[in-house]
Amino acid sequence: MLRKRKLGRNISEITVGEKLVINAKMEDKDLLLYLGLTDDANPLYIQHDYASQTPFKKPIVPAVMLTGMITSAISKYLPGPGSHITKQEIHFLKPVYHYEQLQFLFEVTEVDEECHHITITVEAIRQESEKVLEGTLSVCPPYALPTLDSRALENF
């Protein structure tokens, strides 16, 4: 039997000032999975000999992988399952390297019930002080669904 997933919070349940903190470590297994799925063979992401000759000095984590971590946090937690990012602007301020621990900080800065969207700011910090990423997201929270009763499927 398939279990129905609980939806995230409705827009009326979200308030300005809400915060979420996510910690993530940049592991090789995650990087290799991403690169395998996308067929991205950029030597800057995986080849130490190449990356050592660039200003980065060592392989970096792809920006889109960091974006995926942000998207995942929105889908899982704030506002949660059923939500959808409609716009994003992310600035990658510094490179992120393999094995680094990042802390992603999210904050709801606007709730617009009339347009059914919220604005969330995000930043990622390494070693508790150095900001490596900042951005703003427009998110459509999950819609409240009508309660199903025995007549809901009469037309099928």
Protein backbone atom coordinates (compact mmCIF):
# COMPACT_ATOMS: atom_id res chain seq x y z
CA MET A 1 0.00 0.00 0.00
CA LEU A 2 1.34 3.42 -0.94
CA ARG A 3 1.44 5.96 1.86
CA LYS A 4 0.45 9.47 1.05
CA ARG A 5 3.14 12.04 1.88
CA LYS A 6 2.21 14.88 4.12
CA LEU A 7 2.30 18.24 2.38
CA GLY A 8 4.39 21.14 3.63
CA ARG A 9 2.85 24.11 5.34
CA ASN A 10 0.13 26.22 3.80
CA ILE A 11 0.92 29.91 3.18
CA SER A 12 -1.33 30.95 6.09
CA GLU A 13 0.92 28.96 8.44
CA ILE A 14 4.17 30.70 7.38
CA THR A 15 5.43 33.90 9.00
CA VAL A 16 8.10 36.46 8.20
CA GLY A 17 11.23 35.83 10.24
CA GLU A 18 11.04 32.02 10.23
CA LYS A 19 14.48 30.46 9.93
CA LEU A 20 15.93 27.12 8.89
CA VAL A 21 19.52 25.90 9.27
CA ILE A 22 20.89 22.96 7.25
CA ASN A 23 24.40 21.54 7.60
CA ALA A 24 25.98 19.72 4.67
CA LYS A 25 29.36 18.20 3.98
CA MET A 26 30.66 18.11 0.41
CA GLU A 27 31.40 14.39 0.05
CA ASP A 28 33.02 12.66 -2.94
CA LYS A 29 30.16 10.15 -3.19
CA ASP A 30 27.62 12.97 -3.69
CA LEU A 31 29.83 14.78 -6.17
CA LEU A 32 30.46 11.62 -8.20
CA LEU A 33 26.74 10.77 -8.21
CA TYR A 34 25.91 14.28 -9.48
CA LEU A 35 28.60 14.16 -12.16
CA GLY A 36 27.47 10.68 -13.25
CA LEU A 37 23.83 11.69 -13.49
CA THR A 38 24.56 14.85 -15.47
CA ASP A 39 27.46 13.48 -17.53
CA ASP A 40 29.41 16.59 -16.52
CA ALA A 41 33.11 15.90 -16.99
CA ASN A 42 34.42 19.38 -16.18
CA PRO A 43 38.02 18.82 -15.04
CA LEU A 44 37.67 21.69 -12.57
CA TYR A 45 35.31 19.47 -10.54
CA ILE A 46 37.30 16.21 -10.47
CA GLN A 47 40.86 16.46 -11.79
CA HIS A 48 43.34 17.49 -9.12
CA ASP A 49 46.18 17.91 -11.63
CA TYR A 50 44.16 20.34 -13.74
CA ALA A 51 42.56 22.24 -10.85
CA SER A 52 45.95 22.67 -9.13
CA GLN A 53 47.08 24.81 -12.06
CA THR A 54 44.09 27.17 -11.82
CA PRO A 55 43.55 30.02 -9.35
CA PHE A 56 41.27 27.62 -7.40
CA LYS A 57 44.29 25.36 -6.61
CA LYS A 58 42.08 22.27 -6.13
CA PRO A 59 38.78 20.83 -7.44
CA ILE A 60 35.62 22.76 -6.61
CA VAL A 61 31.99 21.77 -6.07
CA PRO A 62 29.71 22.62 -9.05
CA ALA A 63 27.46 25.61 -8.39
CA VAL A 64 24.41 23.71 -9.59
CA MET A 65 25.05 21.05 -6.93
CA LEU A 66 24.88 23.76 -4.25
CA THR A 67 21.68 25.02 -5.87
CA GLY A 68 20.31 21.48 -5.62
CA MET A 69 20.95 21.47 -1.87
CA ILE A 70 18.96 24.70 -1.59
CA THR A 71 16.11 23.29 -3.69
CA SER A 72 16.07 20.16 -1.56
CA ALA A 73 15.76 22.17 1.67
CA ILE A 74 12.78 24.08 0.23
CA SER A 75 11.11 20.84 -0.90
CA LYS A 76 11.72 19.02 2.39
CA TYR A 77 11.40 21.67 5.09
CA LEU A 78 10.55 25.28 4.27
CA PRO A 79 7.75 25.32 3.27
CA GLY A 80 8.07 21.59 2.51
CA PRO A 81 6.57 18.95 0.20
CA GLY A 82 4.28 20.38 -2.47
CA SER A 83 6.16 23.69 -2.73
CA HIS A 84 7.75 25.04 -5.90
CA ILE A 85 10.53 27.57 -6.52
CA THR A 86 9.33 30.08 -9.13
CA LYS A 87 12.37 32.36 -9.19
CA GLN A 88 15.87 32.32 -7.79
CA GLU A 89 18.87 34.59 -7.77
CA ILE A 90 21.99 33.07 -6.28
CA HIS A 91 25.43 34.62 -6.07
CA PHE A 92 28.36 32.24 -5.66
CA LEU A 93 30.78 34.46 -3.76
CA LYS A 94 33.65 32.01 -3.20
CA PRO A 95 34.49 28.54 -4.46
CA VAL A 96 33.45 25.58 -2.33
CA TYR A 97 35.90 22.68 -2.13
CA HIS A 98 35.48 18.96 -1.65
CA TYR A 99 35.04 17.82 1.99
CA GLU A 100 34.06 21.27 3.25
CA GLN A 101 31.28 21.62 5.80
CA LEU A 102 28.71 24.29 4.91
CA GLN A 103 25.88 25.75 6.92
CA PHE A 104 22.90 26.94 4.85
CA LEU A 105 20.82 29.63 6.54
CA PHE A 106 17.29 30.28 5.24
CA GLU A 107 14.92 33.04 6.34
CA VAL A 108 11.39 33.95 5.26
CA THR A 109 11.46 37.67 4.45
CA GLU A 110 8.04 38.13 2.82
CA VAL A 111 4.67 36.36 2.80
CA ASP A 112 2.25 37.42 0.05
CA GLU A 113 -0.98 35.49 0.58
CA GLU A 114 -2.76 37.29 -2.26
CA CYS A 115 -0.20 36.12 -4.86
CA HIS A 116 0.43 32.84 -2.99
CA HIS A 117 4.19 33.19 -2.74
CA ILE A 118 6.84 33.71 -0.11
CA THR A 119 10.33 35.17 -0.38
CA ILE A 120 13.20 33.34 1.28
CA THR A 121 16.79 34.53 1.59
CA VAL A 122 19.59 31.99 1.77
CA GLU A 123 23.27 32.12 2.56
CA ALA A 124 25.88 29.43 2.94
CA ILE A 125 28.75 29.84 5.35
CA ARG A 126 31.87 27.77 5.83
CA GLN A 127 33.78 27.56 9.09
CA GLU A 128 31.12 29.67 10.84
CA SER A 129 32.34 32.95 9.34
CA GLU A 130 33.05 32.95 5.61
CA LYS A 131 30.02 33.48 3.36
CA VAL A 132 30.37 31.52 0.12
CA LEU A 133 26.86 31.96 -1.32
CA GLU A 134 23.86 34.26 -0.96
CA GLY A 135 20.55 34.43 -2.70
CA THR A 136 16.84 35.09 -2.79
CA LEU A 137 14.10 32.64 -3.73
CA SER A 138 10.44 33.14 -4.60
CA VAL A 139 8.54 30.07 -3.52
CA CYS A 140 4.97 28.93 -4.10
CA PRO A 141 3.99 26.99 -0.95
CA PRO A 142 1.77 23.92 -1.28
CA TYR A 143 -1.88 24.60 -1.89
CA ALA A 144 -4.40 23.36 0.66
CA LEU A 145 -6.32 20.55 -1.01
CA PRO A 146 -10.02 19.99 -0.50
CA THR A 147 -10.93 17.11 1.77
CA LEU A 148 -11.92 14.02 -0.18
CA ASP A 149 -15.18 12.31 0.65
CA SER A 150 -17.09 9.41 -0.91
CA ARG A 151 -18.51 11.66 -3.65
CA ALA A 152 -15.13 13.05 -4.76
CA LEU A 153 -14.64 10.42 -7.46
CA GLU A 154 -18.24 10.06 -8.67
CA ASN A 155 -17.39 11.27 -12.19
CA PHE A 156 -14.72 8.61 -12.76
